[in-house]
C-alpha cells in the first residue's frame, strides 16, 4: 500500500471515529433508524440523477444497499436501542477485522500474511481491553445485533469485489439508493407508525446537521475512498485500518462530551496503533508483491 493511501486511510478512520459523536447528537433527538434512512436519502438525492448507473447487474447494487444500510447501520443503531452504548457499539463494530480476514482468505482467495494476522490480533487485544474496561454492560440481544453488523461490514467488501466494478463512486451511490426504504420499513416494524408520524416535529437543527454530516463527508466521500481502496488492494490489507476508528471515537467522546480518557484507555489505544503499524509497515515493505484484485 502506498504511503499516501495509508495516510488518507488514517484520516478517513479519524472522520469515521468522530462521526459516532455526530450520530449520538442525532439519535438523542430522533428515532435511530429514521436518522439512518435520512442519512442515505440525503446522500443519494439529487446526486443520483446526475451519475450514470455503473455497468453491473442490479443484484449487486441491491445487495450492497441492503447489507450496508440495514445490515451494518440498521443493526448498529438497533443495538444502541437494545442497550449498547454508542461508544461500545463503535468498538464492537470493529470486530469486522476478523470476518474481513476470513472473507479475504476463503471467499476471495487472498493471501493473508502472518504479519497481517499478527498485527490484527495485537490490535484486537487493545480493542478487547477497551471493551472489558467499559464494564461489559451490554445486553445479549444488543451484542448479537452489533456483532452481526460487523459481519455485514465484511460482506460489503465481498459484494464490491464480486461486482468487478471500477466505477466505485457510482456503485456506492446507486447501491445506497436501496437503503432508505428498508430502513423506514424496519423502523415502523420496530417502533410502529409513530416513527414516521413524529418525523416532522423532530427535524430540528441537530437532526439535520447530524444527517447531513453522515451523508456527505462520512458516507459519500468516506465510502467512496474506502471502496476505492477495497478495489485497489486486498480486503485483508485494508481491513486492519478500521481498528483505528475506536481510537478516534474515544477522542471524540473526550472532545465533545467530556468523557475522560484514563490510563487503561490510552494504553489500549496505543496497542491498537501498534497493531495497525505492524500490519502496514510489513505490507509497505513488500508492496511490489501486492497486486490488484478485482
C-alpha atoms as a PDB file:
ATOM      1  CA  UNK A   1       0.000   0.000   0.000  1.00  0.00           C
ATOM      2  CA  UNK A   2       1.395   3.424  -0.936  1.00  0.00           C
ATOM      3  CA  UNK A   3       2.287   5.902   1.787  1.00  0.00           C
ATOM      4  CA  UNK A   4      -0.239   8.485   0.619  1.00  0.00           C
ATOM      5  CA  UNK A   5      -3.028   5.875   0.633  1.00  0.00           C
ATOM      6  CA  UNK A   6      -2.057   4.829   4.159  1.00  0.00           C
ATOM      7  CA  UNK A   7      -2.162   8.455   5.366  1.00  0.00           C
ATOM      8  CA  UNK A   8      -5.515   9.100   3.691  1.00  0.00           C
ATOM      9  CA  UNK A   9      -6.929   5.939   5.255  1.00  0.00           C
ATOM     10  CA  UNK A  10      -5.840   7.109   8.711  1.00  0.00           C
ATOM     11  CA  UNK A  11      -7.593  10.454   8.095  1.00  0.00           C
ATOM     12  CA  UNK A  12     -10.685   8.559   6.983  1.00  0.00           C
ATOM     13  CA  UNK A  13     -10.636   6.498  10.170  1.00  0.00           C
ATOM     14  CA  UNK A  14     -10.471   9.773  12.133  1.00  0.00           C
ATOM     15  CA  UNK A  15     -13.544  11.028  10.275  1.00  0.00           C
ATOM     16  CA  UNK A  16     -15.439   7.802  10.942  1.00  0.00           C
ATOM     17  CA  UNK A  17     -14.430   7.746  14.592  1.00  0.00           C
ATOM     18  CA  UNK A  18     -15.552  11.329  15.216  1.00  0.00           C
ATOM     19  CA  UNK A  19     -18.737  10.578  13.274  1.00  0.00           C
ATOM     20  CA  UNK A  20     -20.032   8.487  16.189  1.00  0.00           C
ATOM     21  CA  UNK A  21     -20.201  11.687  18.248  1.00  0.00           C
ATOM     22  CA  UNK A  22     -22.293  13.227  15.467  1.00  0.00           C
ATOM     23  CA  UNK A  23     -24.515  10.126  15.407  1.00  0.00           C
ATOM     24  CA  UNK A  24     -25.076  10.490  19.145  1.00  0.00           C
ATOM     25  CA  UNK A  25     -26.118  14.100  18.573  1.00  0.00           C
ATOM     26  CA  UNK A  26     -28.784  12.924  16.136  1.00  0.00           C
ATOM     27  CA  UNK A  27     -30.143   9.863  17.960  1.00  0.00           C
ATOM     28  CA  UNK A  28     -30.761  11.980  21.045  1.00  0.00           C
ATOM     29  CA  UNK A  29     -33.492  13.746  19.041  1.00  0.00           C
ATOM     30  CA  UNK A  30     -34.935  11.222  16.570  1.00  0.00           C
ATOM     31  CA  UNK A  31     -35.537   7.501  16.008  1.00  0.00           C
ATOM     32  CA  UNK A  32     -32.115   5.975  15.125  1.00  0.00           C
ATOM     33  CA  UNK A  33     -33.408   4.041  12.122  1.00  0.00           C
ATOM     34  CA  UNK A  34     -35.165   7.100  10.716  1.00  0.00           C
ATOM     35  CA  UNK A  35     -31.970   9.101  11.182  1.00  0.00           C
ATOM     36  CA  UNK A  36     -30.085   6.436   9.218  1.00  0.00           C
ATOM     37  CA  UNK A  37     -32.744   6.462   6.483  1.00  0.00           C
ATOM     38  CA  UNK A  38     -32.467  10.261   6.288  1.00  0.00           C
ATOM     39  CA  UNK A  39     -28.690   9.924   6.056  1.00  0.00           C
ATOM     40  CA  UNK A  40     -28.858   7.734   2.957  1.00  0.00           C
ATOM     41  CA  UNK A  41     -31.676   9.739   1.398  1.00  0.00           C
ATOM     42  CA  UNK A  42     -29.589  12.910   1.564  1.00  0.00           C
ATOM     43  CA  UNK A  43     -26.571  11.010   0.260  1.00  0.00           C
ATOM     44  CA  UNK A  44     -28.264   9.846  -2.944  1.00  0.00           C
ATOM     45  CA  UNK A  45     -30.745  12.630  -3.807  1.00  0.00           C
ATOM     46  CA  UNK A  46     -30.358  14.579  -6.050  1.00  0.00           C
ATOM     47  CA  UNK A  47     -26.874  13.302  -6.984  1.00  0.00           C
ATOM     48  CA  UNK A  48     -28.333  10.017  -8.206  1.00  0.00           C
ATOM     49  CA  UNK A  49     -29.918  11.790 -11.182  1.00  0.00           C
ATOM     50  CA  UNK A  50     -26.551  13.085 -12.391  1.00  0.00           C
ATOM     51  CA  UNK A  51     -24.392   9.969 -12.031  1.00  0.00           C
ATOM     52  CA  UNK A  52     -24.726   7.154 -14.530  1.00  0.00           C
ATOM     53  CA  UNK A  53     -25.517   3.727 -13.137  1.00  0.00           C
ATOM     54  CA  UNK A  54     -22.417   1.502 -13.103  1.00  0.00           C
ATOM     55  CA  UNK A  55     -22.349  -1.346 -15.579  1.00  0.00           C
ATOM     56  CA  UNK A  56     -23.023  -4.128 -13.072  1.00  0.00           C
ATOM     57  CA  UNK A  57     -26.040  -6.399 -12.520  1.00  0.00           C
ATOM     58  CA  UNK A  58     -28.809  -4.908 -10.351  1.00  0.00           C
ATOM     59  CA  UNK A  59     -28.410  -7.705  -7.810  1.00  0.00           C
ATOM     60  CA  UNK A  60     -25.040  -6.334  -6.709  1.00  0.00           C
ATOM     61  CA  UNK A  61     -26.410  -2.836  -6.189  1.00  0.00           C
ATOM     62  CA  UNK A  62     -29.433  -4.112  -4.276  1.00  0.00           C
ATOM     63  CA  UNK A  63     -27.359  -6.464  -2.140  1.00  0.00           C
ATOM     64  CA  UNK A  64     -24.850  -3.734  -1.338  1.00  0.00           C
ATOM     65  CA  UNK A  65     -27.536  -1.207  -0.415  1.00  0.00           C
ATOM     66  CA  UNK A  66     -29.443  -3.561   1.883  1.00  0.00           C
ATOM     67  CA  UNK A  67     -26.386  -5.044   3.596  1.00  0.00           C
ATOM     68  CA  UNK A  68     -24.786  -1.634   4.043  1.00  0.00           C
ATOM     69  CA  UNK A  69     -27.859   0.375   5.040  1.00  0.00           C
ATOM     70  CA  UNK A  70     -29.739  -2.235   7.054  1.00  0.00           C
ATOM     71  CA  UNK A  71     -27.085  -4.847   7.777  1.00  0.00           C
ATOM     72  CA  UNK A  72     -24.354  -2.504   9.016  1.00  0.00           C
ATOM     73  CA  UNK A  73     -26.002   0.728  10.147  1.00  0.00           C
ATOM     74  CA  UNK A  74     -29.532  -0.503  10.765  1.00  0.00           C
ATOM     75  CA  UNK A  75     -28.364  -3.285  13.082  1.00  0.00           C
ATOM     76  CA  UNK A  76     -25.831  -0.997  14.743  1.00  0.00           C
ATOM     77  CA  UNK A  77     -28.455   1.609  15.629  1.00  0.00           C
ATOM     78  CA  UNK A  78     -30.807  -1.160  16.801  1.00  0.00           C
ATOM     79  CA  UNK A  79     -28.060  -2.445  19.078  1.00  0.00           C
ATOM     80  CA  UNK A  80     -27.838   1.012  20.649  1.00  0.00           C
ATOM     81  CA  UNK A  81     -31.609   0.933  21.136  1.00  0.00           C
ATOM     82  CA  UNK A  82     -31.209  -2.524  22.729  1.00  0.00           C
ATOM     83  CA  UNK A  83     -28.822  -1.267  25.394  1.00  0.00           C
ATOM     84  CA  UNK A  84     -25.375  -0.945  23.816  1.00  0.00           C
ATOM     85  CA  UNK A  85     -23.789   2.480  24.260  1.00  0.00           C
ATOM     86  CA  UNK A  86     -22.808   4.366  21.119  1.00  0.00           C
ATOM     87  CA  UNK A  87     -19.130   4.198  22.095  1.00  0.00           C
ATOM     88  CA  UNK A  88     -19.212   0.470  22.758  1.00  0.00           C
ATOM     89  CA  UNK A  89     -21.108  -0.110  19.512  1.00  0.00           C
ATOM     90  CA  UNK A  90     -18.313   1.605  17.577  1.00  0.00           C
ATOM     91  CA  UNK A  91     -15.790  -0.677  19.274  1.00  0.00           C
ATOM     92  CA  UNK A  92     -17.703  -3.905  18.705  1.00  0.00           C
ATOM     93  CA  UNK A  93     -18.320  -2.976  15.074  1.00  0.00           C
ATOM     94  CA  UNK A  94     -14.576  -3.202  14.555  1.00  0.00           C
ATOM     95  CA  UNK A  95     -14.738  -6.942  15.140  1.00  0.00           C
ATOM     96  CA  UNK A  96     -15.232  -6.888  11.355  1.00  0.00           C
ATOM     97  CA  UNK A  97     -11.452  -7.178  11.088  1.00  0.00           C
ATOM     98  CA  UNK A  98     -11.777 -10.899  11.879  1.00  0.00           C
ATOM     99  CA  UNK A  99     -14.543 -11.609   9.387  1.00  0.00           C
ATOM    100  CA  UNK A 100     -12.746  -9.484   6.765  1.00  0.00           C
ATOM    101  CA  UNK A 101      -9.635 -11.624   7.070  1.00  0.00           C
ATOM    102  CA  UNK A 102     -11.794 -14.755   6.726  1.00  0.00           C
ATOM    103  CA  UNK A 103     -13.674 -13.327   3.739  1.00  0.00           C
ATOM    104  CA  UNK A 104     -10.415 -12.345   2.066  1.00  0.00           C
ATOM    105  CA  UNK A 105      -8.839 -15.734   2.676  1.00  0.00           C
ATOM    106  CA  UNK A 106     -11.684 -18.175   1.982  1.00  0.00           C
ATOM    107  CA  UNK A 107     -14.064 -16.332  -0.380  1.00  0.00           C
ATOM    108  CA  UNK A 108     -11.676 -14.149  -2.392  1.00  0.00           C
ATOM    109  CA  UNK A 109      -8.597 -16.410  -2.234  1.00  0.00           C
ATOM    110  CA  UNK A 110      -6.420 -13.547  -0.998  1.00  0.00           C
ATOM    111  CA  UNK A 111      -3.098 -14.269   0.660  1.00  0.00           C
ATOM    112  CA  UNK A 112      -3.193 -13.361   4.345  1.00  0.00           C
ATOM    113  CA  UNK A 113       0.349 -12.966   5.662  1.00  0.00           C
ATOM    114  CA  UNK A 114       1.417 -13.693   9.203  1.00  0.00           C
ATOM    115  CA  UNK A 115       2.095 -10.006   9.771  1.00  0.00           C
ATOM    116  CA  UNK A 116      -1.492  -9.130   8.829  1.00  0.00           C
ATOM    117  CA  UNK A 117      -2.835 -11.742  11.202  1.00  0.00           C
ATOM    118  CA  UNK A 118      -0.370 -10.833  13.950  1.00  0.00           C
ATOM    119  CA  UNK A 119      -0.957  -7.107  13.611  1.00  0.00           C
ATOM    120  CA  UNK A 120      -4.723  -7.563  13.628  1.00  0.00           C
ATOM    121  CA  UNK A 121      -4.588  -9.813  16.695  1.00  0.00           C
ATOM    122  CA  UNK A 122      -2.392  -7.315  18.512  1.00  0.00           C
ATOM    123  CA  UNK A 123      -4.817  -4.514  17.700  1.00  0.00           C
ATOM    124  CA  UNK A 124      -7.711  -6.700  18.813  1.00  0.00           C
ATOM    125  CA  UNK A 125      -6.028  -7.124  22.191  1.00  0.00           C
ATOM    126  CA  UNK A 126      -6.253  -3.360  22.604  1.00  0.00           C
ATOM    127  CA  UNK A 127      -9.844  -3.369  21.384  1.00  0.00           C
ATOM    128  CA  UNK A 128     -10.854  -6.102  23.836  1.00  0.00           C
ATOM    129  CA  UNK A 129      -9.044  -4.259  26.619  1.00  0.00           C
ATOM    130  CA  UNK A 130     -11.178  -1.187  25.965  1.00  0.00           C
ATOM    131  CA  UNK A 131     -14.379  -3.259  25.823  1.00  0.00           C
ATOM    132  CA  UNK A 132     -13.537  -5.013  29.086  1.00  0.00           C
ATOM    133  CA  UNK A 133     -12.728  -1.681  30.698  1.00  0.00           C
ATOM    134  CA  UNK A 134     -16.230  -0.467  29.840  1.00  0.00           C
ATOM    135  CA  UNK A 135     -17.528  -2.967  32.390  1.00  0.00           C
ATOM    136  CA  UNK A 136     -19.146  -5.331  29.884  1.00  0.00           C
ATOM    137  CA  UNK A 137     -22.594  -3.790  30.440  1.00  0.00           C
ATOM    138  CA  UNK A 138     -24.285  -4.927  27.244  1.00  0.00           C
ATOM    139  CA  UNK A 139     -27.465  -6.908  26.656  1.00  0.00           C
ATOM    140  CA  UNK A 140     -27.193 -10.248  24.809  1.00  0.00           C
ATOM    141  CA  UNK A 141     -29.525  -9.047  22.012  1.00  0.00           C
ATOM    142  CA  UNK A 142     -27.551  -5.821  21.679  1.00  0.00           C
ATOM    143  CA  UNK A 143     -24.296  -7.741  21.464  1.00  0.00           C
ATOM    144  CA  UNK A 144     -25.746 -10.104  18.834  1.00  0.00           C
ATOM    145  CA  UNK A 145     -27.009  -7.179  16.745  1.00  0.00           C
ATOM    146  CA  UNK A 146     -23.760  -5.213  16.634  1.00  0.00           C
ATOM    147  CA  UNK A 147     -21.621  -8.305  16.020  1.00  0.00           C
ATOM    148  CA  UNK A 148     -23.945  -9.219  13.149  1.00  0.00           C
ATOM    149  CA  UNK A 149     -23.431  -5.695  11.821  1.00  0.00           C
ATOM    150  CA  UNK A 150     -19.667  -6.253  11.892  1.00  0.00           C
ATOM    151  CA  UNK A 151     -20.073  -9.341   9.709  1.00  0.00           C
ATOM    152  CA  UNK A 152     -22.181  -7.366   7.227  1.00  0.00           C
ATOM    153  CA  UNK A 153     -19.332  -4.839   7.010  1.00  0.00           C
ATOM    154  CA  UNK A 154     -17.111  -7.590   5.617  1.00  0.00           C
ATOM    155  CA  UNK A 155     -19.869  -8.823   3.309  1.00  0.00           C
ATOM    156  CA  UNK A 156     -19.982  -5.334   1.756  1.00  0.00           C
ATOM    157  CA  UNK A 157     -16.371  -5.691   0.696  1.00  0.00           C
ATOM    158  CA  UNK A 158     -17.103  -9.129  -0.743  1.00  0.00           C
ATOM    159  CA  UNK A 159     -20.060  -7.797  -2.785  1.00  0.00           C
ATOM    160  CA  UNK A 160     -17.950  -4.942  -4.145  1.00  0.00           C
ATOM    161  CA  UNK A 161     -15.175  -7.306  -5.166  1.00  0.00           C
ATOM    162  CA  UNK A 162     -17.581  -9.736  -6.824  1.00  0.00           C
ATOM    163  CA  UNK A 163     -19.250  -6.959  -8.820  1.00  0.00           C
ATOM    164  CA  UNK A 164     -15.947  -6.282 -10.572  1.00  0.00           C
ATOM    165  CA  UNK A 165     -16.781  -2.590 -10.897  1.00  0.00           C
ATOM    166  CA  UNK A 166     -14.183   0.121 -11.403  1.00  0.00           C
ATOM    167  CA  UNK A 167     -16.789   2.891 -11.086  1.00  0.00           C
ATOM    168  CA  UNK A 168     -16.564   2.880  -7.293  1.00  0.00           C
ATOM    169  CA  UNK A 169     -18.338   6.181  -6.633  1.00  0.00           C
ATOM    170  CA  UNK A 170     -21.260   5.327  -8.912  1.00  0.00           C
ATOM    171  CA  UNK A 171     -21.540   1.842  -7.414  1.00  0.00           C
ATOM    172  CA  UNK A 172     -21.580   3.254  -3.906  1.00  0.00           C
ATOM    173  CA  UNK A 173     -24.170   5.890  -4.791  1.00  0.00           C
ATOM    174  CA  UNK A 174     -26.561   3.599  -6.666  1.00  0.00           C
ATOM    175  CA  UNK A 175     -26.194   0.876  -4.070  1.00  0.00           C
ATOM    176  CA  UNK A 176     -27.118   3.238  -1.243  1.00  0.00           C
ATOM    177  CA  UNK A 177     -30.330   4.113  -3.095  1.00  0.00           C
ATOM    178  CA  UNK A 178     -31.662   0.737  -1.926  1.00  0.00           C
ATOM    179  CA  UNK A 179     -31.063   1.523   1.760  1.00  0.00           C
ATOM    180  CA  UNK A 180     -33.713   4.130   2.834  1.00  0.00           C
ATOM    181  CA  UNK A 181     -36.933   2.183   2.148  1.00  0.00           C
ATOM    182  CA  UNK A 182     -35.893  -0.998   4.035  1.00  0.00           C
ATOM    183  CA  UNK A 183     -34.720   1.200   6.913  1.00  0.00           C
ATOM    184  CA  UNK A 184     -38.056   3.023   7.103  1.00  0.00           C
ATOM    185  CA  UNK A 185     -39.928  -0.284   7.000  1.00  0.00           C
ATOM    186  CA  UNK A 186     -37.682  -1.638   9.751  1.00  0.00           C
ATOM    187  CA  UNK A 187     -38.289   1.482  11.861  1.00  0.00           C
ATOM    188  CA  UNK A 188     -42.049   1.039  11.507  1.00  0.00           C
ATOM    189  CA  UNK A 189     -41.756  -2.659  12.320  1.00  0.00           C
ATOM    190  CA  UNK A 190     -39.738  -1.980  15.472  1.00  0.00           C
ATOM    191  CA  UNK A 191     -41.270   1.259  16.732  1.00  0.00           C
ATOM    192  CA  UNK A 192     -44.643   1.414  14.944  1.00  0.00           C
ATOM    193  CA  UNK A 193     -46.137   4.165  12.714  1.00  0.00           C
ATOM    194  CA  UNK A 194     -45.070   6.788  15.255  1.00  0.00           C
ATOM    195  CA  UNK A 195     -41.554   6.537  13.800  1.00  0.00           C
ATOM    196  CA  UNK A 196     -42.869   8.255  10.649  1.00  0.00           C
ATOM    197  CA  UNK A 197     -45.675  10.376  12.116  1.00  0.00           C
ATOM    198  CA  UNK A 198     -43.376  12.099  14.603  1.00  0.00           C
ATOM    199  CA  UNK A 199     -40.709  12.840  11.987  1.00  0.00           C
ATOM    200  CA  UNK A 200     -41.766  16.423  11.005  1.00  0.00           C
ATOM    201  CA  UNK A 201     -41.641  17.758  14.558  1.00  0.00           C
ATOM    202  CA  UNK A 202     -38.270  16.135  15.225  1.00  0.00           C
ATOM    203  CA  UNK A 203     -36.452  17.539  12.209  1.00  0.00           C
ATOM    204  CA  UNK A 204     -34.607  20.230  14.139  1.00  0.00           C
ATOM    205  CA  UNK A 205     -31.145  21.684  13.504  1.00  0.00           C
ATOM    206  CA  UNK A 206     -29.375  18.942  15.450  1.00  0.00           C
ATOM    207  CA  UNK A 207     -31.003  16.184  13.407  1.00  0.00           C
ATOM    208  CA  UNK A 208     -30.384  17.907  10.067  1.00  0.00           C
ATOM    209  CA  UNK A 209     -26.739  18.593  10.925  1.00  0.00           C
ATOM    210  CA  UNK A 210     -26.222  15.009  12.077  1.00  0.00           C
ATOM    211  CA  UNK A 211     -27.859  13.554   8.959  1.00  0.00           C
ATOM    212  CA  UNK A 212     -26.004  15.904   6.592  1.00  0.00           C
ATOM    213  CA  UNK A 213     -22.622  15.232   8.213  1.00  0.00           C
ATOM    214  CA  UNK A 214     -23.200  11.498   7.946  1.00  0.00           C
ATOM    215  CA  UNK A 215     -24.482  11.784   4.374  1.00  0.00           C
ATOM    216  CA  UNK A 216     -21.779  13.914   2.769  1.00  0.00           C
ATOM    217  CA  UNK A 217     -18.264  13.760   4.269  1.00  0.00           C
ATOM    218  CA  UNK A 218     -18.791  10.453   6.098  1.00  0.00           C
ATOM    219  CA  UNK A 219     -20.787   8.481   3.523  1.00  0.00           C
ATOM    220  CA  UNK A 220     -20.304   9.975   0.050  1.00  0.00           C
ATOM    221  CA  UNK A 221     -16.673  10.991   0.428  1.00  0.00           C
ATOM    222  CA  UNK A 222     -15.647   8.430   3.030  1.00  0.00           C
ATOM    223  CA  UNK A 223     -17.110   5.293   1.498  1.00  0.00           C
ATOM    224  CA  UNK A 224     -16.104   6.321  -1.998  1.00  0.00           C
ATOM    225  CA  UNK A 225     -12.477   6.355  -0.868  1.00  0.00           C
ATOM    226  CA  UNK A 226     -12.892   3.223   1.280  1.00  0.00           C
ATOM    227  CA  UNK A 227     -14.359   1.221  -1.602  1.00  0.00           C
ATOM    228  CA  UNK A 228     -11.665   2.589  -3.896  1.00  0.00           C
ATOM    229  CA  UNK A 229      -9.078   1.121  -1.527  1.00  0.00           C
ATOM    230  CA  UNK A 230     -11.011  -2.177  -1.347  1.00  0.00           C
ATOM    231  CA  UNK A 231     -10.848  -2.403  -5.150  1.00  0.00           C
ATOM    232  CA  UNK A 232      -7.199  -1.326  -5.325  1.00  0.00           C
ATOM    233  CA  UNK A 233      -5.855  -3.533  -2.520  1.00  0.00           C
ATOM    234  CA  UNK A 234      -6.868  -6.775  -0.837  1.00  0.00           C
ATOM    235  CA  UNK A 235      -9.688  -6.742   1.749  1.00  0.00           C
ATOM    236  CA  UNK A 236      -7.360  -8.296   4.326  1.00  0.00           C
ATOM    237  CA  UNK A 237      -4.852  -5.461   3.794  1.00  0.00           C
ATOM    238  CA  UNK A 238      -7.296  -2.593   4.183  1.00  0.00           C
ATOM    239  CA  UNK A 239      -9.488  -4.068   6.953  1.00  0.00           C
ATOM    240  CA  UNK A 240      -6.996  -3.655   9.855  1.00  0.00           C
ATOM    241  CA  UNK A 241      -7.112   0.128   9.398  1.00  0.00           C
ATOM    242  CA  UNK A 242     -10.682   0.153  10.766  1.00  0.00           C
ATOM    243  CA  UNK A 243      -9.232  -0.676  14.173  1.00  0.00           C
ATOM    244  CA  UNK A 244      -8.216   2.992  14.372  1.00  0.00           C
ATOM    245  CA  UNK A 245     -11.878   4.071  14.419  1.00  0.00           C
ATOM    246  CA  UNK A 246     -12.457   3.423  18.151  1.00  0.00           C
ATOM    247  CA  UNK A 247      -9.298   5.372  18.998  1.00  0.00           C
ATOM    248  CA  UNK A 248     -10.737   8.464  17.349  1.00  0.00           C
ATOM    249  CA  UNK A 249     -14.155   7.569  18.724  1.00  0.00           C
ATOM    250  CA  UNK A 250     -12.767   7.843  22.248  1.00  0.00           C
ATOM    251  CA  UNK A 251     -11.141  11.155  21.386  1.00  0.00           C
ATOM    252  CA  UNK A 252     -14.466  12.412  20.045  1.00  0.00           C
ATOM    253  CA  UNK A 253     -16.155  11.465  23.297  1.00  0.00           C
ATOM    254  CA  UNK A 254     -13.496  13.370  25.207  1.00  0.00           C
ATOM    255  CA  UNK A 255     -13.665  16.471  22.997  1.00  0.00           C
ATOM    256  CA  UNK A 256     -17.434  16.770  22.563  1.00  0.00           C
ATOM    257  CA  UNK A 257     -18.966  15.026  25.588  1.00  0.00           C
ATOM    258  CA  UNK A 258     -16.324  15.476  28.261  1.00  0.00           C
ATOM    259  CA  UNK A 259     -15.582  11.743  28.541  1.00  0.00           C
ATOM    260  CA  UNK A 260     -12.262  11.304  30.346  1.00  0.00           C
ATOM    261  CA  UNK A 261      -9.557   9.125  28.791  1.00  0.00           C
ATOM    262  CA  UNK A 262      -7.939   7.173  31.620  1.00  0.00           C
ATOM    263  CA  UNK A 263      -4.637   5.295  31.588  1.00  0.00           C
ATOM    264  CA  UNK A 264      -6.218   1.979  30.517  1.00  0.00           C
ATOM    265  CA  UNK A 265      -7.963   3.533  27.519  1.00  0.00           C
ATOM    266  CA  UNK A 266      -4.793   5.354  26.468  1.00  0.00           C
ATOM    267  CA  UNK A 267      -2.744   2.140  26.764  1.00  0.00           C
ATOM    268  CA  UNK A 268      -5.345   0.214  24.751  1.00  0.00           C
ATOM    269  CA  UNK A 269      -5.365   2.887  22.054  1.00  0.00           C
ATOM    270  CA  UNK A 270      -1.573   2.676  21.785  1.00  0.00           C
ATOM    271  CA  UNK A 271      -1.772  -1.123  21.442  1.00  0.00           C
ATOM    272  CA  UNK A 272      -4.273  -0.701  18.593  1.00  0.00           C
ATOM    273  CA  UNK A 273      -1.980   1.795  16.852  1.00  0.00           C
ATOM    274  CA  UNK A 274       0.960  -0.591  17.260  1.00  0.00           C
ATOM    275  CA  UNK A 275      -1.046  -3.474  15.817  1.00  0.00           C
ATOM    276  CA  UNK A 276      -2.025  -1.487  12.736  1.00  0.00           C
ATOM    277  CA  UNK A 277       1.573  -0.308  12.333  1.00  0.00           C
ATOM    278  CA  UNK A 278       2.902  -3.887  12.454  1.00  0.00           C
ATOM    279  CA  UNK A 279       0.487  -4.923   9.712  1.00  0.00           C
ATOM    280  CA  UNK A 280       1.006  -1.894   7.474  1.00  0.00           C
ATOM    281  CA  UNK A 281       4.796  -1.488   7.809  1.00  0.00           C
ATOM    282  CA  UNK A 282       5.409  -5.040   6.648  1.00  0.00           C
ATOM    283  CA  UNK A 283       2.938  -4.642   3.814  1.00  0.00           C
ATOM    284  CA  UNK A 284       4.620  -1.440   2.618  1.00  0.00           C
ATOM    285  CA  UNK A 285       7.985  -3.147   2.575  1.00  0.00           C
ATOM    286  CA  UNK A 286       6.578  -5.794   0.270  1.00  0.00           C
ATOM    287  CA  UNK A 287       4.336  -3.509  -1.792  1.00  0.00           C
ATOM    288  CA  UNK A 288       5.894  -4.782  -5.005  1.00  0.00           C
ATOM    289  CA  UNK A 289       4.460  -8.217  -4.325  1.00  0.00           C
ATOM    290  CA  UNK A 290       0.930  -6.961  -3.834  1.00  0.00           C
ATOM    291  CA  UNK A 291      -1.165  -6.905  -6.976  1.00  0.00           C
ATOM    292  CA  UNK A 292      -4.584  -5.522  -7.709  1.00  0.00           C
ATOM    293  CA  UNK A 293      -7.501  -7.842  -7.147  1.00  0.00           C
ATOM    294  CA  UNK A 294     -10.999  -7.473  -8.588  1.00  0.00           C
END
